[in-house]
Amino acid sequence: MARIVPGQGNAEKAGNEVHNAGDTDTSAKVKVRLFGSIRQAAGNDGGEVYPGIDCTVYELLRLLSENYGGAFRDEILKPDGIGLREDVILSVNGVIAEHAKLKSLILEDGAAVDLLPAFPGGG
C-alpha cells in the first residue's frame, strides 16, 4: 500500500491512503514537492510518499493523481492520462527527467521529486 504523508496545506486531502499494484509489504520513501499551479491543484505543497518498491516515476504520478483528484491530474497529465504534459517540468534528485523515460525510471528510497509548471517567457 502506498501512502502520502502531507506537507503543508490541505492535510485532509493529502492524508488519504492510496493503493498501488506493487509490493504492499515494503515501501520506499519519496519526497514530493509541488510548485505553482500544480501546488494549487493539489491543495498542498506535496509531502512524503511511500510507494511500493520498484515504483517508477510514472506510477508515482498515477498514485498522486488518484490521491489529489481530477484538477491535479489535469494539471500534470496529458488528456489521455498516459503521459506527462509537455509544459510540466519534473526533476528527480535535482535532475530534470526526460518525459519519454518516466515509465522506466525507478525511484529509489530517499528520492526527491519536484513537479512544477514550465516558466513563461523567453528571449
PDB file of N, CA and C in Angstrom:
ATOM      1  N   MET A   1       0.849  -1.168   0.000  1.00  0.00           N
ATOM      2  CA  MET A   1       0.000   0.000   0.000  1.00  0.00           C
ATOM      3  C   MET A   1       0.895   1.232   0.000  1.00  0.00           C
ATOM      4  N   ALA A   2       0.599   2.154  -0.835  1.00  0.00           N
ATOM      5  CA  ALA A   2       1.303   3.426  -0.848  1.00  0.00           C
ATOM      6  C   ALA A   2       0.513   4.410  -0.008  1.00  0.00           C
ATOM      7  N   ARG A   3       1.229   5.296   0.667  1.00  0.00           N
ATOM      8  CA  ARG A   3       0.516   6.326   1.418  1.00  0.00           C
ATOM      9  C   ARG A   3       1.255   7.630   1.278  1.00  0.00           C
ATOM     10  N   ILE A   4       0.527   8.715   1.479  1.00  0.00           N
ATOM     11  CA  ILE A   4       1.084  10.048   1.365  1.00  0.00           C
ATOM     12  C   ILE A   4       0.958  10.726   2.715  1.00  0.00           C
ATOM     13  N   VAL A   5       2.080  11.217   3.211  1.00  0.00           N
ATOM     14  CA  VAL A   5       2.085  11.989   4.442  1.00  0.00           C
ATOM     15  C   VAL A   5       2.185  13.440   4.023  1.00  0.00           C
ATOM     16  N   PRO A   6       1.196  14.254   4.380  1.00  0.00           N
ATOM     17  CA  PRO A   6       1.147  15.619   3.851  1.00  0.00           C
ATOM     18  C   PRO A   6       2.269  16.514   4.323  1.00  0.00           C
ATOM     19  N   GLY A   7       2.603  17.446   3.440  1.00  0.00           N
ATOM     20  CA  GLY A   7       3.459  18.553   3.814  1.00  0.00           C
ATOM     21  C   GLY A   7       2.538  19.621   4.368  1.00  0.00           C
ATOM     22  N   GLN A   8       2.759  20.866   3.991  1.00  0.00           N
ATOM     23  CA  GLN A   8       1.881  21.929   4.446  1.00  0.00           C
ATOM     24  C   GLN A   8       0.701  22.041   3.497  1.00  0.00           C
ATOM     25  N   GLY A   9      -0.367  22.627   3.970  1.00  0.00           N
ATOM     26  CA  GLY A   9      -1.531  22.822   3.103  1.00  0.00           C
ATOM     27  C   GLY A   9      -2.689  21.976   3.571  1.00  0.00           C
ATOM     28  N   ASN A  10      -3.416  21.425   2.633  1.00  0.00           N
ATOM     29  CA  ASN A  10      -4.640  20.699   2.923  1.00  0.00           C
ATOM     30  C   ASN A  10      -4.329  19.285   3.398  1.00  0.00           C
ATOM     31  N   ALA A  11      -4.185  19.106   4.699  1.00  0.00           N
ATOM     32  CA  ALA A  11      -3.826  17.803   5.258  1.00  0.00           C
ATOM     33  C   ALA A  11      -4.909  16.760   5.001  1.00  0.00           C
ATOM     34  N   GLU A  12      -6.168  17.168   4.987  1.00  0.00           N
ATOM     35  CA  GLU A  12      -7.245  16.207   4.751  1.00  0.00           C
ATOM     36  C   GLU A  12      -7.119  15.604   3.361  1.00  0.00           C
ATOM     37  N   LYS A  13      -6.852  16.435   2.379  1.00  0.00           N
ATOM     38  CA  LYS A  13      -6.729  15.965   1.011  1.00  0.00           C
ATOM     39  C   LYS A  13      -5.493  15.079   0.846  1.00  0.00           C
ATOM     40  N   ALA A  14      -4.381  15.486   1.462  1.00  0.00           N
ATOM     41  CA  ALA A  14      -3.127  14.776   1.271  1.00  0.00           C
ATOM     42  C   ALA A  14      -3.005  13.542   2.151  1.00  0.00           C
ATOM     43  N   GLY A  15      -3.788  13.437   3.204  1.00  0.00           N
ATOM     44  CA  GLY A  15      -3.614  12.361   4.153  1.00  0.00           C
ATOM     45  C   GLY A  15      -4.286  11.056   3.768  1.00  0.00           C
ATOM     46  N   ASN A  16      -5.069  11.025   2.725  1.00  0.00           N
ATOM     47  CA  ASN A  16      -5.739   9.799   2.324  1.00  0.00           C
ATOM     48  C   ASN A  16      -4.720   8.778   1.847  1.00  0.00           C
ATOM     49  N   GLU A  17      -4.974   7.514   2.168  1.00  0.00           N
ATOM     50  CA  GLU A  17      -4.105   6.474   1.663  1.00  0.00           C
ATOM     51  C   GLU A  17      -4.518   6.128   0.242  1.00  0.00           C
ATOM     52  N   VAL A  18      -3.515   5.797  -0.559  1.00  0.00           N
ATOM     53  CA  VAL A  18      -3.783   5.339  -1.915  1.00  0.00           C
ATOM     54  C   VAL A  18      -3.060   4.013  -2.090  1.00  0.00           C
ATOM     55  N   HIS A  19      -3.594   3.173  -2.946  1.00  0.00           N
ATOM     56  CA  HIS A  19      -3.041   1.843  -3.144  1.00  0.00           C
ATOM     57  C   HIS A  19      -2.355   1.767  -4.496  1.00  0.00           C
ATOM     58  N   ASN A  20      -1.305   0.948  -4.556  1.00  0.00           N
ATOM     59  CA  ASN A  20      -0.693   0.664  -5.844  1.00  0.00           C
ATOM     60  C   ASN A  20      -0.688  -0.837  -6.044  1.00  0.00           C
ATOM     61  N   ALA A  21      -0.326  -1.260  -7.240  1.00  0.00           N
ATOM     62  CA  ALA A  21      -0.371  -2.677  -7.564  1.00  0.00           C
ATOM     63  C   ALA A  21       0.911  -3.394  -7.179  1.00  0.00           C
ATOM     64  N   GLY A  22       1.879  -2.674  -6.638  1.00  0.00           N
ATOM     65  CA  GLY A  22       3.167  -3.274  -6.308  1.00  0.00           C
ATOM     66  C   GLY A  22       3.153  -3.978  -4.965  1.00  0.00           C
ATOM     67  N   ASP A  23       4.333  -4.213  -4.457  1.00  0.00           N
ATOM     68  CA  ASP A  23       4.545  -4.887  -3.189  1.00  0.00           C
ATOM     69  C   ASP A  23       3.935  -4.063  -2.063  1.00  0.00           C
ATOM     70  N   THR A  24       3.074  -4.659  -1.266  1.00  0.00           N
ATOM     71  CA  THR A  24       2.416  -3.917  -0.190  1.00  0.00           C
ATOM     72  C   THR A  24       3.165  -4.035   1.129  1.00  0.00           C
ATOM     73  N   ASP A  25       4.211  -4.863   1.201  1.00  0.00           N
ATOM     74  CA  ASP A  25       4.931  -5.064   2.448  1.00  0.00           C
ATOM     75  C   ASP A  25       6.134  -4.144   2.602  1.00  0.00           C
ATOM     76  N   THR A  26       6.680  -3.675   1.518  1.00  0.00           N
ATOM     77  CA  THR A  26       7.883  -2.865   1.567  1.00  0.00           C
ATOM     78  C   THR A  26       7.648  -1.570   0.813  1.00  0.00           C
ATOM     79  N   SER A  27       8.159  -0.488   1.357  1.00  0.00           N
ATOM     80  CA  SER A  27       7.976   0.801   0.712  1.00  0.00           C
ATOM     81  C   SER A  27       9.281   1.555   0.646  1.00  0.00           C
ATOM     82  N   ALA A  28       9.382   2.407  -0.339  1.00  0.00           N
ATOM     83  CA  ALA A  28      10.460   3.370  -0.423  1.00  0.00           C
ATOM     84  C   ALA A  28       9.870   4.707   0.015  1.00  0.00           C
ATOM     85  N   LYS A  29      10.700   5.579   0.537  1.00  0.00           N
ATOM     86  CA  LYS A  29      10.251   6.913   0.932  1.00  0.00           C
ATOM     87  C   LYS A  29      10.686   7.891  -0.152  1.00  0.00           C
ATOM     88  N   VAL A  30       9.726   8.629  -0.695  1.00  0.00           N
ATOM     89  CA  VAL A  30       9.993   9.611  -1.747  1.00  0.00           C
ATOM     90  C   VAL A  30       9.452  10.960  -1.282  1.00  0.00           C
ATOM     91  N   LYS A  31      10.268  11.979  -1.356  1.00  0.00           N
ATOM     92  CA  LYS A  31       9.857  13.345  -1.007  1.00  0.00           C
ATOM     93  C   LYS A  31       9.343  14.005  -2.278  1.00  0.00           C
ATOM     94  N   VAL A  32       8.101  14.478  -2.245  1.00  0.00           N
ATOM     95  CA  VAL A  32       7.491  15.143  -3.395  1.00  0.00           C
ATOM     96  C   VAL A  32       7.254  16.605  -3.043  1.00  0.00           C
ATOM     97  N   ARG A  33       7.712  17.496  -3.928  1.00  0.00           N
ATOM     98  CA  ARG A  33       7.445  18.928  -3.764  1.00  0.00           C
ATOM     99  C   ARG A  33       6.696  19.421  -4.990  1.00  0.00           C
ATOM    100  N   LEU A  34       5.643  20.202  -4.744  1.00  0.00           N
ATOM    101  CA  LEU A  34       4.785  20.724  -5.801  1.00  0.00           C
ATOM    102  C   LEU A  34       4.881  22.237  -5.823  1.00  0.00           C
ATOM    103  N   PHE A  35       4.853  22.809  -7.023  1.00  0.00           N
ATOM    104  CA  PHE A  35       5.019  24.252  -7.176  1.00  0.00           C
ATOM    105  C   PHE A  35       3.958  24.839  -8.106  1.00  0.00           C
ATOM    106  N   GLY A  36       3.712  26.138  -7.944  1.00  0.00           N
ATOM    107  CA  GLY A  36       2.842  26.906  -8.833  1.00  0.00           C
ATOM    108  C   GLY A  36       1.444  26.343  -8.956  1.00  0.00           C
ATOM    109  N   SER A  37       0.958  26.294 -10.190  1.00  0.00           N
ATOM    110  CA  SER A  37      -0.415  25.834 -10.438  1.00  0.00           C
ATOM    111  C   SER A  37      -0.602  24.364 -10.073  1.00  0.00           C
ATOM    112  N   ILE A  38       0.472  23.595 -10.085  1.00  0.00           N
ATOM    113  CA  ILE A  38       0.388  22.184  -9.690  1.00  0.00           C
ATOM    114  C   ILE A  38       0.127  22.099  -8.192  1.00  0.00           C
ATOM    115  N   ARG A  39       0.787  22.931  -7.446  1.00  0.00           N
ATOM    116  CA  ARG A  39       0.563  23.006  -5.999  1.00  0.00           C
ATOM    117  C   ARG A  39      -0.880  23.422  -5.706  1.00  0.00           C
ATOM    118  N   GLN A  40      -1.363  24.419  -6.437  1.00  0.00           N
ATOM    119  CA  GLN A  40      -2.744  24.878  -6.246  1.00  0.00           C
ATOM    120  C   GLN A  40      -3.743  23.769  -6.545  1.00  0.00           C
ATOM    121  N   ALA A  41      -3.509  23.022  -7.613  1.00  0.00           N
ATOM    122  CA  ALA A  41      -4.434  21.953  -7.995  1.00  0.00           C
ATOM    123  C   ALA A  41      -4.458  20.834  -6.955  1.00  0.00           C
ATOM    124  N   ALA A  42      -3.316  20.572  -6.324  1.00  0.00           N
ATOM    125  CA  ALA A  42      -3.246  19.529  -5.296  1.00  0.00           C
ATOM    126  C   ALA A  42      -3.815  19.998  -3.968  1.00  0.00           C
ATOM    127  N   GLY A  43      -3.762  21.301  -3.724  1.00  0.00           N
ATOM    128  CA  GLY A  43      -4.232  21.829  -2.450  1.00  0.00           C
ATOM    129  C   GLY A  43      -3.179  21.805  -1.363  1.00  0.00           C
ATOM    130  N   ASN A  44      -1.937  21.458  -1.711  1.00  0.00           N
ATOM    131  CA  ASN A  44      -0.834  21.474  -0.757  1.00  0.00           C
ATOM    132  C   ASN A  44       0.494  21.469  -1.511  1.00  0.00           C
ATOM    133  N   ASP A  45       1.583  21.459  -0.766  1.00  0.00           N
ATOM    134  CA  ASP A  45       2.893  21.545  -1.403  1.00  0.00           C
ATOM    135  C   ASP A  45       3.597  20.209  -1.539  1.00  0.00           C
ATOM    136  N   GLY A  46       2.872  19.115  -1.382  1.00  0.00           N
ATOM    137  CA  GLY A  46       3.471  17.788  -1.513  1.00  0.00           C
ATOM    138  C   GLY A  46       3.633  17.130  -0.163  1.00  0.00           C
ATOM    139  N   GLY A  47       4.642  16.311  -0.022  1.00  0.00           N
ATOM    140  CA  GLY A  47       4.897  15.607   1.220  1.00  0.00           C
ATOM    141  C   GLY A  47       5.707  14.359   0.965  1.00  0.00           C
ATOM    142  N   GLU A  48       5.710  13.471   1.943  1.00  0.00           N
ATOM    143  CA  GLU A  48       6.415  12.209   1.799  1.00  0.00           C
ATOM    144  C   GLU A  48       5.447  11.161   1.262  1.00  0.00           C
ATOM    145  N   VAL A  49       5.913  10.409   0.288  1.00  0.00           N
ATOM    146  CA  VAL A  49       5.107   9.361  -0.324  1.00  0.00           C
ATOM    147  C   VAL A  49       5.833   8.044  -0.097  1.00  0.00           C
ATOM    148  N   TYR A  50       5.090   7.020   0.251  1.00  0.00           N
ATOM    149  CA  TYR A  50       5.655   5.695   0.487  1.00  0.00           C
ATOM    150  C   TYR A  50       5.059   4.711  -0.522  1.00  0.00           C
ATOM    151  N   PRO A  51       5.562   4.737  -1.763  1.00  0.00           N
ATOM    152  CA  PRO A  51       5.048   3.804  -2.774  1.00  0.00           C
ATOM    153  C   PRO A  51       5.678   2.429  -2.567  1.00  0.00           C
ATOM    154  N   GLY A  52       5.178   1.451  -3.264  1.00  0.00           N
ATOM    155  CA  GLY A  52       5.784   0.124  -3.206  1.00  0.00           C
ATOM    156  C   GLY A  52       7.191   0.156  -3.781  1.00  0.00           C
ATOM    157  N   ILE A  53       7.941  -0.884  -3.527  1.00  0.00           N
ATOM    158  CA  ILE A  53       9.299  -0.953  -4.062  1.00  0.00           C
ATOM    159  C   ILE A  53       9.237  -1.014  -5.587  1.00  0.00           C
ATOM    160  N   ASP A  54      10.305  -0.576  -6.208  1.00  0.00           N
ATOM    161  CA  ASP A  54      10.415  -0.553  -7.668  1.00  0.00           C
ATOM    162  C   ASP A  54       9.343   0.305  -8.332  1.00  0.00           C
ATOM    163  N   CYS A  55       8.891   1.333  -7.650  1.00  0.00           N
ATOM    164  CA  CYS A  55       7.907   2.253  -8.211  1.00  0.00           C
ATOM    165  C   CYS A  55       8.589   3.157  -9.234  1.00  0.00           C
ATOM    166  N   THR A  56       7.987   3.284 -10.395  1.00  0.00           N
ATOM    167  CA  THR A  56       8.528   4.190 -11.406  1.00  0.00           C
ATOM    168  C   THR A  56       7.961   5.589 -11.198  1.00  0.00           C
ATOM    169  N   VAL A  57       8.577   6.561 -11.845  1.00  0.00           N
ATOM    170  CA  VAL A  57       8.076   7.937 -11.770  1.00  0.00           C
ATOM    171  C   VAL A  57       6.642   7.985 -12.279  1.00  0.00           C
ATOM    172  N   TYR A  58       6.364   7.308 -13.372  1.00  0.00           N
ATOM    173  CA  TYR A  58       5.023   7.303 -13.933  1.00  0.00           C
ATOM    174  C   TYR A  58       4.011   6.731 -12.937  1.00  0.00           C
ATOM    175  N   GLU A  59       4.364   5.626 -12.263  1.00  0.00           N
ATOM    176  CA  GLU A  59       3.467   5.046 -11.267  1.00  0.00           C
ATOM    177  C   GLU A  59       3.236   6.020 -10.111  1.00  0.00           C
ATOM    178  N   LEU A  60       4.281   6.744  -9.720  1.00  0.00           N
ATOM    179  CA  LEU A  60       4.132   7.759  -8.673  1.00  0.00           C
ATOM    180  C   LEU A  60       3.152   8.836  -9.112  1.00  0.00           C
ATOM    181  N   LEU A  61       3.256   9.282 -10.360  1.00  0.00           N
ATOM    182  CA  LEU A  61       2.338  10.303 -10.870  1.00  0.00           C
ATOM    183  C   LEU A  61       0.899   9.801 -10.847  1.00  0.00           C
ATOM    184  N   ARG A  62       0.690   8.546 -11.182  1.00  0.00           N
ATOM    185  CA  ARG A  62      -0.659   7.968 -11.142  1.00  0.00           C
ATOM    186  C   ARG A  62      -1.187   7.918  -9.700  1.00  0.00           C
ATOM    187  N   LEU A  63      -0.320   7.531  -8.753  1.00  0.00           N
ATOM    188  CA  LEU A  63      -0.718   7.499  -7.348  1.00  0.00           C
ATOM    189  C   LEU A  63      -1.096   8.887  -6.851  1.00  0.00           C
ATOM    190  N   LEU A  64      -0.276   9.870  -7.191  1.00  0.00           N
ATOM    191  CA  LEU A  64      -0.565  11.241  -6.777  1.00  0.00           C
ATOM    192  C   LEU A  64      -1.869  11.728  -7.399  1.00  0.00           C
ATOM    193  N   SER A  65      -2.091  11.390  -8.668  1.00  0.00           N
ATOM    194  CA  SER A  65      -3.314  11.799  -9.353  1.00  0.00           C
ATOM    195  C   SER A  65      -4.548  11.186  -8.709  1.00  0.00           C
ATOM    196  N   GLU A  66      -4.453   9.919  -8.321  1.00  0.00           N
ATOM    197  CA  GLU A  66      -5.579   9.266  -7.654  1.00  0.00           C
ATOM    198  C   GLU A  66      -5.865   9.936  -6.315  1.00  0.00           C
ATOM    199  N   ASN A  67      -4.822  10.341  -5.617  1.00  0.00           N
ATOM    200  CA  ASN A  67      -4.978  10.930  -4.299  1.00  0.00           C
ATOM    201  C   ASN A  67      -5.453  12.382  -4.359  1.00  0.00           C
ATOM    202  N   TYR A  68      -4.883  13.174  -5.260  1.00  0.00           N
ATOM    203  CA  TYR A  68      -5.186  14.604  -5.301  1.00  0.00           C
ATOM    204  C   TYR A  68      -6.359  14.957  -6.201  1.00  0.00           C
ATOM    205  N   GLY A  69      -6.818  14.041  -7.043  1.00  0.00           N
ATOM    206  CA  GLY A  69      -8.033  14.266  -7.810  1.00  0.00           C
ATOM    207  C   GLY A  69      -7.854  14.827  -9.209  1.00  0.00           C
ATOM    208  N   GLY A  70      -9.007  15.102  -9.826  1.00  0.00           N
ATOM    209  CA  GLY A  70      -9.075  15.483 -11.230  1.00  0.00           C
ATOM    210  C   GLY A  70      -8.336  16.758 -11.596  1.00  0.00           C
ATOM    211  N   ALA A  71      -8.422  17.790 -10.778  1.00  0.00           N
ATOM    212  CA  ALA A  71      -7.746  19.053 -11.103  1.00  0.00           C
ATOM    213  C   ALA A  71      -6.235  18.851 -11.154  1.00  0.00           C
ATOM    214  N   PHE A  72      -5.703  18.082 -10.214  1.00  0.00           N
ATOM    215  CA  PHE A  72      -4.270  17.785 -10.200  1.00  0.00           C
ATOM    216  C   PHE A  72      -3.889  16.948 -11.413  1.00  0.00           C
ATOM    217  N   ARG A  73      -4.675  15.900 -11.667  1.00  0.00           N
ATOM    218  CA  ARG A  73      -4.413  15.021 -12.809  1.00  0.00           C
ATOM    219  C   ARG A  73      -4.404  15.820 -14.110  1.00  0.00           C
ATOM    220  N   ASP A  74      -5.386  16.702 -14.275  1.00  0.00           N
ATOM    221  CA  ASP A  74      -5.463  17.516 -15.486  1.00  0.00           C
ATOM    222  C   ASP A  74      -4.283  18.471 -15.604  1.00  0.00           C
ATOM    223  N   GLU A  75      -3.751  18.883 -14.474  1.00  0.00           N
ATOM    224  CA  GLU A  75      -2.636  19.831 -14.464  1.00  0.00           C
ATOM    225  C   GLU A  75      -1.316  19.174 -14.862  1.00  0.00           C
ATOM    226  N   ILE A  76      -1.167  17.856 -14.593  1.00  0.00           N
ATOM    227  CA  ILE A  76       0.127  17.216 -14.876  1.00  0.00           C
ATOM    228  C   ILE A  76       0.108  16.211 -16.023  1.00  0.00           C
ATOM    229  N   LEU A  77      -1.038  15.552 -16.255  1.00  0.00           N
ATOM    230  CA  LEU A  77      -1.078  14.508 -17.278  1.00  0.00           C
ATOM    231  C   LEU A  77      -1.740  14.992 -18.564  1.00  0.00           C
ATOM    232  N   LYS A  78      -1.337  14.375 -19.668  1.00  0.00           N
ATOM    233  CA  LYS A  78      -1.979  14.655 -20.959  1.00  0.00           C
ATOM    234  C   LYS A  78      -3.452  14.251 -20.870  1.00  0.00           C
ATOM    235  N   PRO A  79      -4.297  14.781 -21.768  1.00  0.00           N
ATOM    236  CA  PRO A  79      -5.729  14.465 -21.720  1.00  0.00           C
ATOM    237  C   PRO A  79      -6.039  12.963 -21.738  1.00  0.00           C
ATOM    238  N   ASP A  80      -5.196  12.154 -22.402  1.00  0.00           N
ATOM    239  CA  ASP A  80      -5.439  10.712 -22.432  1.00  0.00           C
ATOM    240  C   ASP A  80      -4.989  10.034 -21.139  1.00  0.00           C
ATOM    241  N   GLY A  81      -4.334  10.785 -20.234  1.00  0.00           N
ATOM    242  CA  GLY A  81      -3.894  10.247 -18.957  1.00  0.00           C
ATOM    243  C   GLY A  81      -2.676   9.360 -19.031  1.00  0.00           C
ATOM    244  N   ILE A  82      -2.074   9.275 -20.204  1.00  0.00           N
ATOM    245  CA  ILE A  82      -0.972   8.329 -20.391  1.00  0.00           C
ATOM    246  C   ILE A  82       0.398   8.959 -20.179  1.00  0.00           C
ATOM    247  N   GLY A  83       0.573  10.199 -20.491  1.00  0.00           N
ATOM    248  CA  GLY A  83       1.888  10.815 -20.354  1.00  0.00           C
ATOM    249  C   GLY A  83       1.835  12.139 -19.623  1.00  0.00           C
ATOM    250  N   LEU A  84       2.996  12.602 -19.228  1.00  0.00           N
ATOM    251  CA  LEU A  84       3.122  13.893 -18.572  1.00  0.00           C
ATOM    252  C   LEU A  84       2.965  15.007 -19.598  1.00  0.00           C
ATOM    253  N   ARG A  85       2.222  16.039 -19.238  1.00  0.00           N
ATOM    254  CA  ARG A  85       2.059  17.178 -20.137  1.00  0.00           C
ATOM    255  C   ARG A  85       3.419  17.782 -20.462  1.00  0.00           C
ATOM    256  N   GLU A  86       3.557  18.255 -21.685  1.00  0.00           N
ATOM    257  CA  GLU A  86       4.830  18.820 -22.142  1.00  0.00           C
ATOM    258  C   GLU A  86       5.222  20.086 -21.386  1.00  0.00           C
ATOM    259  N   ASP A  87       4.237  20.794 -20.817  1.00  0.00           N
ATOM    260  CA  ASP A  87       4.529  22.037 -20.104  1.00  0.00           C
ATOM    261  C   ASP A  87       4.759  21.821 -18.609  1.00  0.00           C
ATOM    262  N   VAL A  88       5.012  20.577 -18.213  1.00  0.00           N
ATOM    263  CA  VAL A  88       5.313  20.255 -16.816  1.00  0.00           C
ATOM    264  C   VAL A  88       6.774  19.830 -16.724  1.00  0.00           C
ATOM    265  N   ILE A  89       7.465  20.389 -15.756  1.00  0.00           N
ATOM    266  CA  ILE A  89       8.860  20.034 -15.507  1.00  0.00           C
ATOM    267  C   ILE A  89       8.889  19.111 -14.296  1.00  0.00           C
ATOM    268  N   LEU A  90       9.558  17.983 -14.449  1.00  0.00           N
ATOM    269  CA  LEU A  90       9.687  17.024 -13.370  1.00  0.00           C
ATOM    270  C   LEU A  90      11.165  16.746 -13.161  1.00  0.00           C
ATOM    271  N   SER A  91      11.619  16.870 -11.921  1.00  0.00           N
ATOM    272  CA  SER A  91      13.012  16.529 -11.632  1.00  0.00           C
ATOM    273  C   SER A  91      13.058  15.450 -10.567  1.00  0.00           C
ATOM    274  N   VAL A  92      14.072  14.612 -10.672  1.00  0.00           N
ATOM    275  CA  VAL A  92      14.334  13.573  -9.684  1.00  0.00           C
ATOM    276  C   VAL A  92      15.730  13.831  -9.136  1.00  0.00           C
ATOM    277  N   ASN A  93      15.803  14.083  -7.857  1.00  0.00           N
ATOM    278  CA  ASN A  93      17.074  14.399  -7.196  1.00  0.00           C
ATOM    279  C   ASN A  93      17.801  15.549  -7.882  1.00  0.00           C
ATOM    280  N   GLY A  94      17.015  16.549  -8.312  1.00  0.00           N
ATOM    281  CA  GLY A  94      17.580  17.758  -8.891  1.00  0.00           C
ATOM    282  C   GLY A  94      17.923  17.681 -10.372  1.00  0.00           C
ATOM    283  N   VAL A  95      17.657  16.549 -11.008  1.00  0.00           N
ATOM    284  CA  VAL A  95      17.953  16.372 -12.433  1.00  0.00           C
ATOM    285  C   VAL A  95      16.632  16.283 -13.185  1.00  0.00           C
ATOM    286  N   ILE A  96      16.456  17.128 -14.193  1.00  0.00           N
ATOM    287  CA  ILE A  96      15.217  17.108 -14.975  1.00  0.00           C
ATOM    288  C   ILE A  96      15.107  15.775 -15.705  1.00  0.00           C
ATOM    289  N   ALA A  97      13.970  15.113 -15.515  1.00  0.00           N
ATOM    290  CA  ALA A  97      13.742  13.799 -16.118  1.00  0.00           C
ATOM    291  C   ALA A  97      13.176  13.947 -17.521  1.00  0.00           C
ATOM    292  N   GLU A  98      13.626  13.077 -18.403  1.00  0.00           N
ATOM    293  CA  GLU A  98      13.093  13.046 -19.763  1.00  0.00           C
ATOM    294  C   GLU A  98      11.703  12.412 -19.719  1.00  0.00           C
ATOM    295  N   HIS A  99      10.746  13.068 -20.336  1.00  0.00           N
ATOM    296  CA  HIS A  99       9.365  12.575 -20.312  1.00  0.00           C
ATOM    297  C   HIS A  99       9.257  11.165 -20.874  1.00  0.00           C
ATOM    298  N   ALA A 100      10.050  10.848 -21.881  1.00  0.00           N
ATOM    299  CA  ALA A 100       9.968   9.537 -22.530  1.00  0.00           C
ATOM    300  C   ALA A 100      10.441   8.406 -21.614  1.00  0.00           C
ATOM    301  N   LYS A 101      11.155   8.731 -20.529  1.00  0.00           N
ATOM    302  CA  LYS A 101      11.714   7.694 -19.657  1.00  0.00           C
ATOM    303  C   LYS A 101      10.968   7.524 -18.337  1.00  0.00           C
ATOM    304  N   LEU A 102       9.833   8.194 -18.169  1.00  0.00           N
ATOM    305  CA  LEU A 102       9.140   8.167 -16.881  1.00  0.00           C
ATOM    306  C   LEU A 102       8.609   6.779 -16.509  1.00  0.00           C
ATOM    307  N   LYS A 103       8.289   5.962 -17.511  1.00  0.00           N
ATOM    308  CA  LYS A 103       7.757   4.628 -17.219  1.00  0.00           C
ATOM    309  C   LYS A 103       8.851   3.636 -16.848  1.00  0.00           C
ATOM    310  N   SER A 104      10.096   3.978 -17.116  1.00  0.00           N
ATOM    311  CA  SER A 104      11.190   3.058 -16.797  1.00  0.00           C
ATOM    312  C   SER A 104      12.107   3.578 -15.687  1.00  0.00           C
ATOM    313  N   LEU A 105      11.946   4.822 -15.290  1.00  0.00           N
ATOM    314  CA  LEU A 105      12.799   5.416 -14.254  1.00  0.00           C
ATOM    315  C   LEU A 105      12.279   5.012 -12.871  1.00  0.00           C
ATOM    316  N   ILE A 106      13.017   4.145 -12.192  1.00  0.00           N
ATOM    317  CA  ILE A 106      12.608   3.632 -10.883  1.00  0.00           C
ATOM    318  C   ILE A 106      13.104   4.565  -9.790  1.00  0.00           C
ATOM    319  N   LEU A 107      12.211   4.867  -8.857  1.00  0.00           N
ATOM    320  CA  LEU A 107      12.543   5.747  -7.741  1.00  0.00           C
ATOM    321  C   LEU A 107      13.161   4.949  -6.603  1.00  0.00           C
ATOM    322  N   GLU A 108      14.323   5.387  -6.168  1.00  0.00           N
ATOM    323  CA  GLU A 108      14.990   4.730  -5.057  1.00  0.00           C
ATOM    324  C   GLU A 108      14.537   5.344  -3.741  1.00  0.00           C
ATOM    325  N   ASP A 109      14.729   4.617  -2.664  1.00  0.00           N
ATOM    326  CA  ASP A 109      14.404   5.123  -1.338  1.00  0.00           C
ATOM    327  C   ASP A 109      15.160   6.426  -1.099  1.00  0.00           C
ATOM    328  N   GLY A 110      14.441   7.433  -0.638  1.00  0.00           N
ATOM    329  CA  GLY A 110      15.052   8.731  -0.364  1.00  0.00           C
ATOM    330  C   GLY A 110      15.054   9.689  -1.535  1.00  0.00           C
ATOM    331  N   ALA A 111      14.472   9.284  -2.660  1.00  0.00           N
ATOM    332  CA  ALA A 111      14.448  10.154  -3.837  1.00  0.00           C
ATOM    333  C   ALA A 111      13.623  11.411  -3.560  1.00  0.00           C
ATOM    334  N   ALA A 112      13.978  12.485  -4.256  1.00  0.00           N
ATOM    335  CA  ALA A 112      13.235  13.741  -4.183  1.00  0.00           C
ATOM    336  C   ALA A 112      12.688  14.046  -5.569  1.00  0.00           C
ATOM    337  N   VAL A 113      11.370  14.236  -5.657  1.00  0.00           N
ATOM    338  CA  VAL A 113      10.707  14.523  -6.932  1.00  0.00           C
ATOM    339  C   VAL A 113      10.064  15.885  -6.842  1.00  0.00           C
ATOM    340  N   ASP A 114      10.385  16.754  -7.800  1.00  0.00           N
ATOM    341  CA  ASP A 114       9.791  18.085  -7.881  1.00  0.00           C
ATOM    342  C   ASP A 114       8.938  18.168  -9.135  1.00  0.00           C
ATOM    343  N   LEU A 115       7.732  18.722  -8.998  1.00  0.00           N
ATOM    344  CA  LEU A 115       6.826  18.939 -10.124  1.00  0.00           C
ATOM    345  C   LEU A 115       6.508  20.423 -10.194  1.00  0.00           C
ATOM    346  N   LEU A 116       6.791  21.021 -11.341  1.00  0.00           N
ATOM    347  CA  LEU A 116       6.487  22.443 -11.488  1.00  0.00           C
ATOM    348  C   LEU A 116       6.084  22.752 -12.924  1.00  0.00           C
ATOM    349  N   PRO A 117       5.247  23.766 -13.074  1.00  0.00           N
ATOM    350  CA  PRO A 117       4.852  24.163 -14.433  1.00  0.00           C
ATOM    351  C   PRO A 117       6.027  24.830 -15.123  1.00  0.00           C
ATOM    352  N   ALA A 118       6.047  24.754 -16.440  1.00  0.00           N
ATOM    353  CA  ALA A 118       7.093  25.437 -17.199  1.00  0.00           C
ATOM    354  C   ALA A 118       6.988  26.948 -16.959  1.00  0.00           C
ATOM    355  N   PHE A 119       8.107  27.600 -16.997  1.00  0.00           N
ATOM    356  CA  PHE A 119       8.130  29.039 -16.769  1.00  0.00           C
ATOM    357  C   PHE A 119       7.807  29.782 -18.066  1.00  0.00           C
ATOM    358  N   PRO A 120       6.889  30.737 -18.016  1.00  0.00           N
ATOM    359  CA  PRO A 120       6.566  31.501 -19.228  1.00  0.00           C
ATOM    360  C   PRO A 120       7.685  32.483 -19.568  1.00  0.00           C
ATOM    361  N   GLY A 121       7.670  32.914 -20.773  1.00  0.00           N
ATOM    362  CA  GLY A 121       8.633  33.936 -21.185  1.00  0.00           C
ATOM    363  C   GLY A 121       9.601  33.390 -22.197  1.00  0.00           C
ATOM    364  N   GLY A 122      10.652  34.071 -22.373  1.00  0.00           N
ATOM    365  CA  GLY A 122      11.651  33.659 -23.330  1.00  0.00           C
ATOM    366  C   GLY A 122      12.478  34.859 -23.759  1.00  0.00           C
ATOM    367  N   GLY A 123      13.335  34.597 -24.655  1.00  0.00           N
ATOM    368  CA  GLY A 123      14.285  35.619 -25.070  1.00  0.00           C
ATOM    369  C   GLY A 123      13.805  36.391 -26.192  1.00  0.00           C
TER     370      GLY A 123
END
